[in-house]
Amino acid sequence: MSEAQAVRLTYDDGARAVELAREAVESYVMHGQREQPGSMRDAFYARTGAFVRLQSTRGRGRMRGCAGSYQGSDQLGHAIVDAAIKAASADTGGSEVERKELDSITVSVCIVSEVTLTADPAADLELGRHGVAIDNAGNHGWLYPTIPVENGWSKEQFLSRVCRKAKLSPTAWQDDDTMVTLIDGQVFRERADGGSVEQV
């Protein structure tokens, strides 16, 4: 069951999405303001979801914030800005990003291409391609598509981690009353060495 408007970005669009997220984070952190997307690329008018993930490049690196939605009701440009601001704020469970951190943070954006409700998560899930959202009895959790690859997780480990994030049993993804949604998305991110944006 597909619920998102099908969107595929070119590399240039993806690079601009990352740039827009970076601008939104900096505007929020430095001035407390919401960045306006301005004159948007055609693809940014599509109504689909987006996630923004912020990671520190200091030491071993750590996640500084991750926010967004896979249910797209806003235009993509605005969804990116909203996700970036939320990721930089304390709303994602961590501490708010500070001005001194801006030069040591990398920005990653996931543009939702398709959303599928699956009855067989272990079979349908593709590691590195899909993010996962899990819902059961009012509990909800989701994780970004690149996380299992970065951590060397199996499909079952990835699904269990999402369950834990939703404050459910690690095996809840196997229950009949648990909704498992696969989030197919394109991921674009800044390189940690400061080079050009890459598509993952």
C-alpha atoms as a PDB file:
ATOM      1  CA  MET A   1       0.000   0.000   0.000  1.00  0.00           C
ATOM      2  CA  SER A   2       1.712   3.174  -1.157  1.00  0.00           C
ATOM      3  CA  GLU A   3       0.734   6.404   0.577  1.00  0.00           C
ATOM      4  CA  ALA A   4       3.410   8.952  -0.401  1.00  0.00           C
ATOM      5  CA  GLN A   5       3.484  10.887  -3.647  1.00  0.00           C
ATOM      6  CA  ALA A   6       6.182   9.159  -5.724  1.00  0.00           C
ATOM      7  CA  VAL A   7       9.201  11.464  -5.906  1.00  0.00           C
ATOM      8  CA  ARG A   8      12.670  10.860  -7.358  1.00  0.00           C
ATOM      9  CA  LEU A   9      15.241  13.613  -7.081  1.00  0.00           C
ATOM     10  CA  THR A  10      18.150  14.253  -9.406  1.00  0.00           C
ATOM     11  CA  TYR A  11      21.579  14.603  -7.847  1.00  0.00           C
ATOM     12  CA  ASP A  12      21.371  18.399  -8.193  1.00  0.00           C
ATOM     13  CA  ASP A  13      17.994  18.429  -6.456  1.00  0.00           C
ATOM     14  CA  GLY A  14      19.373  16.225  -3.691  1.00  0.00           C
ATOM     15  CA  ALA A  15      22.397  18.474  -3.227  1.00  0.00           C
ATOM     16  CA  ARG A  16      20.077  21.467  -2.966  1.00  0.00           C
ATOM     17  CA  ALA A  17      17.935  19.586  -0.411  1.00  0.00           C
ATOM     18  CA  VAL A  18      21.007  19.131   1.801  1.00  0.00           C
ATOM     19  CA  GLU A  19      21.983  22.771   1.297  1.00  0.00           C
ATOM     20  CA  LEU A  20      18.474  23.888   2.271  1.00  0.00           C
ATOM     21  CA  ALA A  21      18.564  21.738   5.405  1.00  0.00           C
ATOM     22  CA  ARG A  22      21.969  23.211   6.325  1.00  0.00           C
ATOM     23  CA  GLU A  23      20.641  26.751   5.811  1.00  0.00           C
ATOM     24  CA  ALA A  24      17.597  25.979   7.968  1.00  0.00           C
ATOM     25  CA  VAL A  25      19.750  24.574  10.796  1.00  0.00           C
ATOM     26  CA  GLU A  26      22.100  27.566  10.734  1.00  0.00           C
ATOM     27  CA  SER A  27      19.270  30.108  10.593  1.00  0.00           C
ATOM     28  CA  TYR A  28      17.559  28.439  13.561  1.00  0.00           C
ATOM     29  CA  VAL A  29      20.709  28.002  15.666  1.00  0.00           C
ATOM     30  CA  MET A  30      22.227  31.430  14.967  1.00  0.00           C
ATOM     31  CA  HIS A  31      19.134  33.621  14.779  1.00  0.00           C
ATOM     32  CA  GLY A  32      16.220  31.571  16.150  1.00  0.00           C
ATOM     33  CA  GLN A  33      14.468  32.011  12.810  1.00  0.00           C
ATOM     34  CA  ARG A  34      12.721  29.707  10.381  1.00  0.00           C
ATOM     35  CA  GLU A  35      14.429  29.643   7.002  1.00  0.00           C
ATOM     36  CA  GLN A  36      12.065  30.096   4.051  1.00  0.00           C
ATOM     37  CA  PRO A  37      12.722  27.767   1.086  1.00  0.00           C
ATOM     38  CA  GLY A  38      12.563  30.756  -1.267  1.00  0.00           C
ATOM     39  CA  SER A  39      12.374  30.034  -4.976  1.00  0.00           C
ATOM     40  CA  MET A  40      12.129  26.262  -4.931  1.00  0.00           C
ATOM     41  CA  ARG A  41      13.161  23.691  -7.508  1.00  0.00           C
ATOM     42  CA  ASP A  42      10.198  22.007  -9.205  1.00  0.00           C
ATOM     43  CA  ALA A  43      10.735  18.762  -7.264  1.00  0.00           C
ATOM     44  CA  PHE A  44      10.360  20.626  -3.967  1.00  0.00           C
ATOM     45  CA  TYR A  45       6.689  21.360  -4.642  1.00  0.00           C
ATOM     46  CA  ALA A  46       5.821  17.654  -4.447  1.00  0.00           C
ATOM     47  CA  ARG A  47       3.930  16.680  -1.311  1.00  0.00           C
ATOM     48  CA  THR A  48       5.992  13.984   0.338  1.00  0.00           C
ATOM     49  CA  GLY A  49       7.850  13.359   3.560  1.00  0.00           C
ATOM     50  CA  ALA A  50      11.440  14.115   4.466  1.00  0.00           C
ATOM     51  CA  PHE A  51      13.863  13.419   7.298  1.00  0.00           C
ATOM     52  CA  VAL A  52      16.938  15.373   8.346  1.00  0.00           C
ATOM     53  CA  ARG A  53      19.735  13.798  10.370  1.00  0.00           C
ATOM     54  CA  LEU A  54      22.552  15.728  12.049  1.00  0.00           C
ATOM     55  CA  GLN A  55      25.765  13.992  13.111  1.00  0.00           C
ATOM     56  CA  SER A  56      28.821  15.327  14.890  1.00  0.00           C
ATOM     57  CA  THR A  57      32.219  14.757  13.266  1.00  0.00           C
ATOM     58  CA  ARG A  58      34.042  15.154  16.594  1.00  0.00           C
ATOM     59  CA  GLY A  59      35.633  12.141  18.247  1.00  0.00           C
ATOM     60  CA  ARG A  60      33.802   8.975  17.284  1.00  0.00           C
ATOM     61  CA  GLY A  61      30.917  11.054  16.056  1.00  0.00           C
ATOM     62  CA  ARG A  62      27.419  10.891  17.420  1.00  0.00           C
ATOM     63  CA  MET A  63      23.904  11.606  16.343  1.00  0.00           C
ATOM     64  CA  ARG A  64      22.917  15.153  17.302  1.00  0.00           C
ATOM     65  CA  GLY A  65      19.365  15.053  16.034  1.00  0.00           C
ATOM     66  CA  CYS A  66      17.043  13.322  13.612  1.00  0.00           C
ATOM     67  CA  ALA A  67      13.521  14.410  12.756  1.00  0.00           C
ATOM     68  CA  GLY A  68      10.921  14.350  10.020  1.00  0.00           C
ATOM     69  CA  SER A  69       7.850  12.570   8.759  1.00  0.00           C
ATOM     70  CA  TYR A  70       7.137   9.963   6.128  1.00  0.00           C
ATOM     71  CA  GLN A  71       3.524  11.085   5.710  1.00  0.00           C
ATOM     72  CA  GLY A  72       3.802  13.990   3.306  1.00  0.00           C
ATOM     73  CA  SER A  73       1.133  16.642   3.466  1.00  0.00           C
ATOM     74  CA  ASP A  74       3.476  19.635   3.095  1.00  0.00           C
ATOM     75  CA  GLN A  75       5.476  20.610   0.044  1.00  0.00           C
ATOM     76  CA  LEU A  76       8.891  18.967   0.152  1.00  0.00           C
ATOM     77  CA  GLY A  77      10.790  22.247   0.524  1.00  0.00           C
ATOM     78  CA  HIS A  78       8.851  23.121   3.667  1.00  0.00           C
ATOM     79  CA  ALA A  79       9.083  19.544   4.994  1.00  0.00           C
ATOM     80  CA  ILE A  80      12.890  19.724   4.754  1.00  0.00           C
ATOM     81  CA  VAL A  81      13.029  23.044   6.630  1.00  0.00           C
ATOM     82  CA  ASP A  82      10.677  21.815   9.370  1.00  0.00           C
ATOM     83  CA  ALA A  83      12.622  18.561   9.827  1.00  0.00           C
ATOM     84  CA  ALA A  84      15.959  20.415   9.945  1.00  0.00           C
ATOM     85  CA  ILE A  85      14.751  22.808  12.643  1.00  0.00           C
ATOM     86  CA  LYS A  86      13.312  20.006  14.747  1.00  0.00           C
ATOM     87  CA  ALA A  87      16.520  17.966  14.383  1.00  0.00           C
ATOM     88  CA  ALA A  88      18.554  20.948  15.629  1.00  0.00           C
ATOM     89  CA  SER A  89      16.245  21.585  18.575  1.00  0.00           C
ATOM     90  CA  ALA A  90      15.918  19.714  21.855  1.00  0.00           C
ATOM     91  CA  ASP A  91      12.626  18.215  20.612  1.00  0.00           C
ATOM     92  CA  THR A  92      14.358  15.072  19.335  1.00  0.00           C
ATOM     93  CA  GLY A  93      15.361  13.954  22.813  1.00  0.00           C
ATOM     94  CA  GLY A  94      18.892  15.330  22.889  1.00  0.00           C
ATOM     95  CA  SER A  95      20.327  18.754  23.621  1.00  0.00           C
ATOM     96  CA  GLU A  96      19.842  21.673  21.263  1.00  0.00           C
ATOM     97  CA  VAL A  97      22.573  22.187  18.674  1.00  0.00           C
ATOM     98  CA  GLU A  98      24.795  25.131  19.619  1.00  0.00           C
ATOM     99  CA  ARG A  99      26.428  27.718  17.362  1.00  0.00           C
ATOM    100  CA  LYS A 100      29.947  26.420  18.109  1.00  0.00           C
ATOM    101  CA  GLU A 101      28.945  22.983  16.765  1.00  0.00           C
ATOM    102  CA  LEU A 102      27.848  24.094  13.298  1.00  0.00           C
ATOM    103  CA  ASP A 103      31.250  23.561  11.676  1.00  0.00           C
ATOM    104  CA  SER A 104      31.523  20.027  13.091  1.00  0.00           C
ATOM    105  CA  ILE A 105      28.114  18.731  12.046  1.00  0.00           C
ATOM    106  CA  THR A 106      27.241  16.875   8.864  1.00  0.00           C
ATOM    107  CA  VAL A 107      23.744  17.126   7.424  1.00  0.00           C
ATOM    108  CA  SER A 108      21.909  14.207   5.820  1.00  0.00           C
ATOM    109  CA  VAL A 109      18.497  14.350   4.142  1.00  0.00           C
ATOM    110  CA  CYS A 110      16.187  11.452   3.278  1.00  0.00           C
ATOM    111  CA  ILE A 111      13.511  12.231   0.709  1.00  0.00           C
ATOM    112  CA  VAL A 112      10.599   9.806   0.931  1.00  0.00           C
ATOM    113  CA  SER A 113       9.925   8.127  -2.423  1.00  0.00           C
ATOM    114  CA  GLU A 114       7.374   5.532  -1.400  1.00  0.00           C
ATOM    115  CA  VAL A 115       5.718   4.222   1.755  1.00  0.00           C
ATOM    116  CA  THR A 116       4.574   0.600   2.023  1.00  0.00           C
ATOM    117  CA  LEU A 117       2.686  -1.185   4.775  1.00  0.00           C
ATOM    118  CA  THR A 118       4.089  -4.720   4.895  1.00  0.00           C
ATOM    119  CA  ALA A 119       2.737  -7.972   6.292  1.00  0.00           C
ATOM    120  CA  ASP A 120       6.136  -9.680   5.922  1.00  0.00           C
ATOM    121  CA  PRO A 121       8.808  -7.235   7.133  1.00  0.00           C
ATOM    122  CA  ALA A 122      11.732  -9.659   7.141  1.00  0.00           C
ATOM    123  CA  ALA A 123      11.099 -10.569   3.498  1.00  0.00           C
ATOM    124  CA  ASP A 124      10.237  -7.110   2.156  1.00  0.00           C
ATOM    125  CA  LEU A 125      12.814  -5.005   3.999  1.00  0.00           C
ATOM    126  CA  GLU A 126      15.942  -4.043   2.021  1.00  0.00           C
ATOM    127  CA  LEU A 127      18.781  -2.878   4.248  1.00  0.00           C
ATOM    128  CA  GLY A 128      20.225   0.453   3.154  1.00  0.00           C
ATOM    129  CA  ARG A 129      17.157   1.274   1.100  1.00  0.00           C
ATOM    130  CA  HIS A 130      14.305   1.279   3.602  1.00  0.00           C
ATOM    131  CA  GLY A 131      13.729   3.150   6.806  1.00  0.00           C
ATOM    132  CA  VAL A 132      11.236   1.462   9.129  1.00  0.00           C
ATOM    133  CA  ALA A 133       8.333   2.793  11.195  1.00  0.00           C
ATOM    134  CA  ILE A 134       6.479   0.640  13.719  1.00  0.00           C
ATOM    135  CA  ASP A 135       3.103   1.314  15.360  1.00  0.00           C
ATOM    136  CA  ASN A 136       1.306  -0.692  18.011  1.00  0.00           C
ATOM    137  CA  ALA A 137      -1.312   0.386  20.564  1.00  0.00           C
ATOM    138  CA  GLY A 138      -0.368   4.046  20.359  1.00  0.00           C
ATOM    139  CA  ASN A 139       3.375   3.409  20.509  1.00  0.00           C
ATOM    140  CA  HIS A 140       5.351   4.667  17.536  1.00  0.00           C
ATOM    141  CA  GLY A 141       8.995   4.582  16.507  1.00  0.00           C
ATOM    142  CA  TRP A 142      11.070   4.888  13.344  1.00  0.00           C
ATOM    143  CA  LEU A 143      14.701   4.717  12.241  1.00  0.00           C
ATOM    144  CA  TYR A 144      16.613   6.204   9.307  1.00  0.00           C
ATOM    145  CA  PRO A 145      17.455   3.972   6.284  1.00  0.00           C
ATOM    146  CA  THR A 146      21.271   4.144   6.574  1.00  0.00           C
ATOM    147  CA  ILE A 147      21.456   3.224  10.274  1.00  0.00           C
ATOM    148  CA  PRO A 148      21.490  -0.611   9.930  1.00  0.00           C
ATOM    149  CA  VAL A 149      24.266  -0.472   7.329  1.00  0.00           C
ATOM    150  CA  GLU A 150      26.343   1.891   9.486  1.00  0.00           C
ATOM    151  CA  ASN A 151      25.972  -0.455  12.453  1.00  0.00           C
ATOM    152  CA  GLY A 152      26.180  -3.791  10.652  1.00  0.00           C
ATOM    153  CA  TRP A 153      22.707  -4.897  11.727  1.00  0.00           C
ATOM    154  CA  SER A 154      20.725  -7.735  10.206  1.00  0.00           C
ATOM    155  CA  LYS A 155      17.097  -7.203   9.162  1.00  0.00           C
ATOM    156  CA  GLU A 156      15.909  -8.740  12.422  1.00  0.00           C
ATOM    157  CA  GLN A 157      18.219  -6.531  14.484  1.00  0.00           C
ATOM    158  CA  PHE A 158      17.016  -3.432  12.645  1.00  0.00           C
ATOM    159  CA  LEU A 159      13.356  -4.314  13.201  1.00  0.00           C
ATOM    160  CA  SER A 160      14.030  -5.066  16.869  1.00  0.00           C
ATOM    161  CA  ARG A 161      15.774  -1.710  17.351  1.00  0.00           C
ATOM    162  CA  VAL A 162      12.799   0.136  15.894  1.00  0.00           C
ATOM    163  CA  CYS A 163      10.523  -1.788  18.277  1.00  0.00           C
ATOM    164  CA  ARG A 164      12.673  -0.727  21.216  1.00  0.00           C
ATOM    165  CA  LYS A 165      12.546   2.879  20.078  1.00  0.00           C
ATOM    166  CA  ALA A 166       8.755   2.567  20.059  1.00  0.00           C
ATOM    167  CA  LYS A 167       8.982   1.195  23.634  1.00  0.00           C
ATOM    168  CA  LEU A 168       7.738  -2.212  22.515  1.00  0.00           C
ATOM    169  CA  SER A 169       9.075  -5.725  22.901  1.00  0.00           C
ATOM    170  CA  PRO A 170      12.024  -6.377  20.521  1.00  0.00           C
ATOM    171  CA  THR A 171       9.903  -9.026  18.782  1.00  0.00           C
ATOM    172  CA  ALA A 172       6.767  -6.875  18.457  1.00  0.00           C
ATOM    173  CA  TRP A 173       7.375  -6.508  14.715  1.00  0.00           C
ATOM    174  CA  GLN A 174       6.232 -10.135  14.390  1.00  0.00           C
ATOM    175  CA  ASP A 175       2.878  -9.529  16.098  1.00  0.00           C
ATOM    176  CA  ASP A 176      -0.285  -9.435  13.998  1.00  0.00           C
ATOM    177  CA  ASP A 177      -1.463  -6.207  15.606  1.00  0.00           C
ATOM    178  CA  THR A 178       1.789  -4.336  14.874  1.00  0.00           C
ATOM    179  CA  MET A 179       1.880  -2.111  11.796  1.00  0.00           C
ATOM    180  CA  VAL A 180       5.270  -2.130  10.049  1.00  0.00           C
ATOM    181  CA  THR A 181       5.819   0.549   7.418  1.00  0.00           C
ATOM    182  CA  LEU A 182       8.770   0.501   5.018  1.00  0.00           C
ATOM    183  CA  ILE A 183       9.993   3.958   4.037  1.00  0.00           C
ATOM    184  CA  ASP A 184      11.720   3.922   0.661  1.00  0.00           C
ATOM    185  CA  GLY A 185      13.788   7.047   0.327  1.00  0.00           C
ATOM    186  CA  GLN A 186      16.741   8.722  -1.361  1.00  0.00           C
ATOM    187  CA  VAL A 187      19.481   9.772   1.028  1.00  0.00           C
ATOM    188  CA  PHE A 188      21.836  12.655   0.264  1.00  0.00           C
ATOM    189  CA  ARG A 189      24.466  13.822   2.750  1.00  0.00           C
ATOM    190  CA  GLU A 190      27.418  16.081   3.288  1.00  0.00           C
ATOM    191  CA  ARG A 191      30.759  14.308   3.260  1.00  0.00           C
ATOM    192  CA  ALA A 192      32.556  14.374   6.599  1.00  0.00           C
ATOM    193  CA  ASP A 193      35.717  15.646   4.885  1.00  0.00           C
ATOM    194  CA  GLY A 194      33.899  18.732   3.638  1.00  0.00           C
ATOM    195  CA  GLY A 195      33.695  17.541   0.041  1.00  0.00           C
ATOM    196  CA  SER A 196      30.662  17.624  -2.223  1.00  0.00           C
ATOM    197  CA  VAL A 197      27.311  16.118  -1.297  1.00  0.00           C
ATOM    198  CA  GLU A 198      27.033  12.378  -1.953  1.00  0.00           C
ATOM    199  CA  GLN A 199      24.021  10.198  -2.652  1.00  0.00           C
ATOM    200  CA  VAL A 200      24.068   7.117  -0.451  1.00  0.00           C
END
